[in-house]
């Protein structure tokens, strides 16, 4: 863990360089500020294992329906 002492006005640029995510969670408790990066959960492939196993947002039926629709657009 690295520790840096700096002017408070430099915080935005430092935090922007440290995090590669678009959103962060900020929590303050007893004078301690914790900043945690948040991964983008909108990626529908993030929960896929095997062939759509355990991913409630994308059932096999919905996946096949999308594949059929894509094929129809290609014709």
C-alpha atoms as a PDB file:
ATOM      1  CA  UNK A   1       0.000   0.000   0.000  1.00  0.00           C
ATOM      2  CA  UNK A   2       1.384   3.388  -0.998  1.00  0.00           C
ATOM      3  CA  UNK A   3       0.797   6.465   1.121  1.00  0.00           C
ATOM      4  CA  UNK A   4       0.872   9.965  -0.364  1.00  0.00           C
ATOM      5  CA  UNK A   5       0.567  13.303   1.428  1.00  0.00           C
ATOM      6  CA  UNK A   6      -0.708  16.046  -0.875  1.00  0.00           C
ATOM      7  CA  UNK A   7      -2.754  19.202  -1.176  1.00  0.00           C
ATOM      8  CA  UNK A   8      -6.511  18.532  -1.251  1.00  0.00           C
ATOM      9  CA  UNK A   9      -6.842  20.435  -4.567  1.00  0.00           C
ATOM     10  CA  UNK A  10      -4.783  17.719  -6.282  1.00  0.00           C
ATOM     11  CA  UNK A  11      -7.221  14.916  -5.335  1.00  0.00           C
ATOM     12  CA  UNK A  12      -9.316  14.866  -8.534  1.00  0.00           C
ATOM     13  CA  UNK A  13      -6.338  14.335 -10.846  1.00  0.00           C
ATOM     14  CA  UNK A  14      -4.746  11.725  -8.552  1.00  0.00           C
ATOM     15  CA  UNK A  15      -7.976   9.723  -8.219  1.00  0.00           C
ATOM     16  CA  UNK A  16      -8.588   9.866 -11.962  1.00  0.00           C
ATOM     17  CA  UNK A  17      -5.163   8.298 -12.577  1.00  0.00           C
ATOM     18  CA  UNK A  18      -5.608   5.610  -9.895  1.00  0.00           C
ATOM     19  CA  UNK A  19      -8.972   4.195 -11.033  1.00  0.00           C
ATOM     20  CA  UNK A  20      -9.683   2.654 -14.419  1.00  0.00           C
ATOM     21  CA  UNK A  21     -13.444   2.398 -13.787  1.00  0.00           C
ATOM     22  CA  UNK A  22     -16.127   4.982 -14.519  1.00  0.00           C
ATOM     23  CA  UNK A  23     -17.692   4.815 -11.032  1.00  0.00           C
ATOM     24  CA  UNK A  24     -16.415   4.508  -7.474  1.00  0.00           C
ATOM     25  CA  UNK A  25     -18.065   3.964  -4.095  1.00  0.00           C
ATOM     26  CA  UNK A  26     -17.024   6.481  -1.420  1.00  0.00           C
ATOM     27  CA  UNK A  27     -17.561   5.678   2.268  1.00  0.00           C
ATOM     28  CA  UNK A  28     -16.593   7.812   5.279  1.00  0.00           C
ATOM     29  CA  UNK A  29     -16.488   6.412   8.791  1.00  0.00           C
ATOM     30  CA  UNK A  30     -14.652   7.841  11.808  1.00  0.00           C
ATOM     31  CA  UNK A  31     -12.611  10.218   9.661  1.00  0.00           C
ATOM     32  CA  UNK A  32     -11.464   7.470   7.255  1.00  0.00           C
ATOM     33  CA  UNK A  33     -12.510   7.858   3.634  1.00  0.00           C
ATOM     34  CA  UNK A  34     -12.609   4.671   1.567  1.00  0.00           C
ATOM     35  CA  UNK A  35     -12.828   4.824  -2.244  1.00  0.00           C
ATOM     36  CA  UNK A  36     -13.596   1.522  -4.005  1.00  0.00           C
ATOM     37  CA  UNK A  37     -13.822   1.068  -7.795  1.00  0.00           C
ATOM     38  CA  UNK A  38     -17.133  -0.309  -9.112  1.00  0.00           C
ATOM     39  CA  UNK A  39     -17.112  -2.677 -12.059  1.00  0.00           C
ATOM     40  CA  UNK A  40     -19.695  -2.114 -14.775  1.00  0.00           C
ATOM     41  CA  UNK A  41     -22.446  -4.673 -14.128  1.00  0.00           C
ATOM     42  CA  UNK A  42     -24.324  -3.907 -17.351  1.00  0.00           C
ATOM     43  CA  UNK A  43     -22.087  -6.270 -19.342  1.00  0.00           C
ATOM     44  CA  UNK A  44     -24.420  -9.219 -20.022  1.00  0.00           C
ATOM     45  CA  UNK A  45     -21.431 -11.526 -20.590  1.00  0.00           C
ATOM     46  CA  UNK A  46     -19.960 -10.823 -17.134  1.00  0.00           C
ATOM     47  CA  UNK A  47     -21.889 -13.610 -15.415  1.00  0.00           C
ATOM     48  CA  UNK A  48     -21.727 -16.204 -18.160  1.00  0.00           C
ATOM     49  CA  UNK A  49     -20.069 -19.535 -17.492  1.00  0.00           C
ATOM     50  CA  UNK A  50     -20.222 -22.421 -19.854  1.00  0.00           C
ATOM     51  CA  UNK A  51     -23.181 -21.646 -22.033  1.00  0.00           C
ATOM     52  CA  UNK A  52     -25.233 -19.046 -20.159  1.00  0.00           C
ATOM     53  CA  UNK A  53     -25.249 -21.102 -16.925  1.00  0.00           C
ATOM     54  CA  UNK A  54     -26.335 -19.234 -13.819  1.00  0.00           C
ATOM     55  CA  UNK A  55     -26.962 -15.903 -15.555  1.00  0.00           C
ATOM     56  CA  UNK A  56     -30.552 -14.911 -14.773  1.00  0.00           C
ATOM     57  CA  UNK A  57     -30.573 -11.845 -17.036  1.00  0.00           C
ATOM     58  CA  UNK A  58     -29.986 -13.888 -20.179  1.00  0.00           C
ATOM     59  CA  UNK A  59     -31.880 -17.176 -20.352  1.00  0.00           C
ATOM     60  CA  UNK A  60     -31.166 -19.687 -23.093  1.00  0.00           C
ATOM     61  CA  UNK A  61     -34.575 -18.958 -24.624  1.00  0.00           C
ATOM     62  CA  UNK A  62     -33.837 -15.205 -24.798  1.00  0.00           C
ATOM     63  CA  UNK A  63     -30.415 -15.919 -26.277  1.00  0.00           C
ATOM     64  CA  UNK A  64     -31.866 -18.176 -28.990  1.00  0.00           C
ATOM     65  CA  UNK A  65     -34.577 -15.607 -29.722  1.00  0.00           C
ATOM     66  CA  UNK A  66     -31.910 -12.939 -30.272  1.00  0.00           C
ATOM     67  CA  UNK A  67     -29.893 -15.272 -32.495  1.00  0.00           C
ATOM     68  CA  UNK A  68     -32.979 -15.963 -34.660  1.00  0.00           C
ATOM     69  CA  UNK A  69     -33.700 -12.243 -34.904  1.00  0.00           C
ATOM     70  CA  UNK A  70     -30.096 -11.562 -35.951  1.00  0.00           C
ATOM     71  CA  UNK A  71     -30.334 -14.226 -38.674  1.00  0.00           C
ATOM     72  CA  UNK A  72     -33.544 -12.695 -39.988  1.00  0.00           C
ATOM     73  CA  UNK A  73     -31.859  -9.298 -40.228  1.00  0.00           C
ATOM     74  CA  UNK A  74     -29.002 -10.816 -42.253  1.00  0.00           C
ATOM     75  CA  UNK A  75     -31.421 -12.141 -44.904  1.00  0.00           C
END
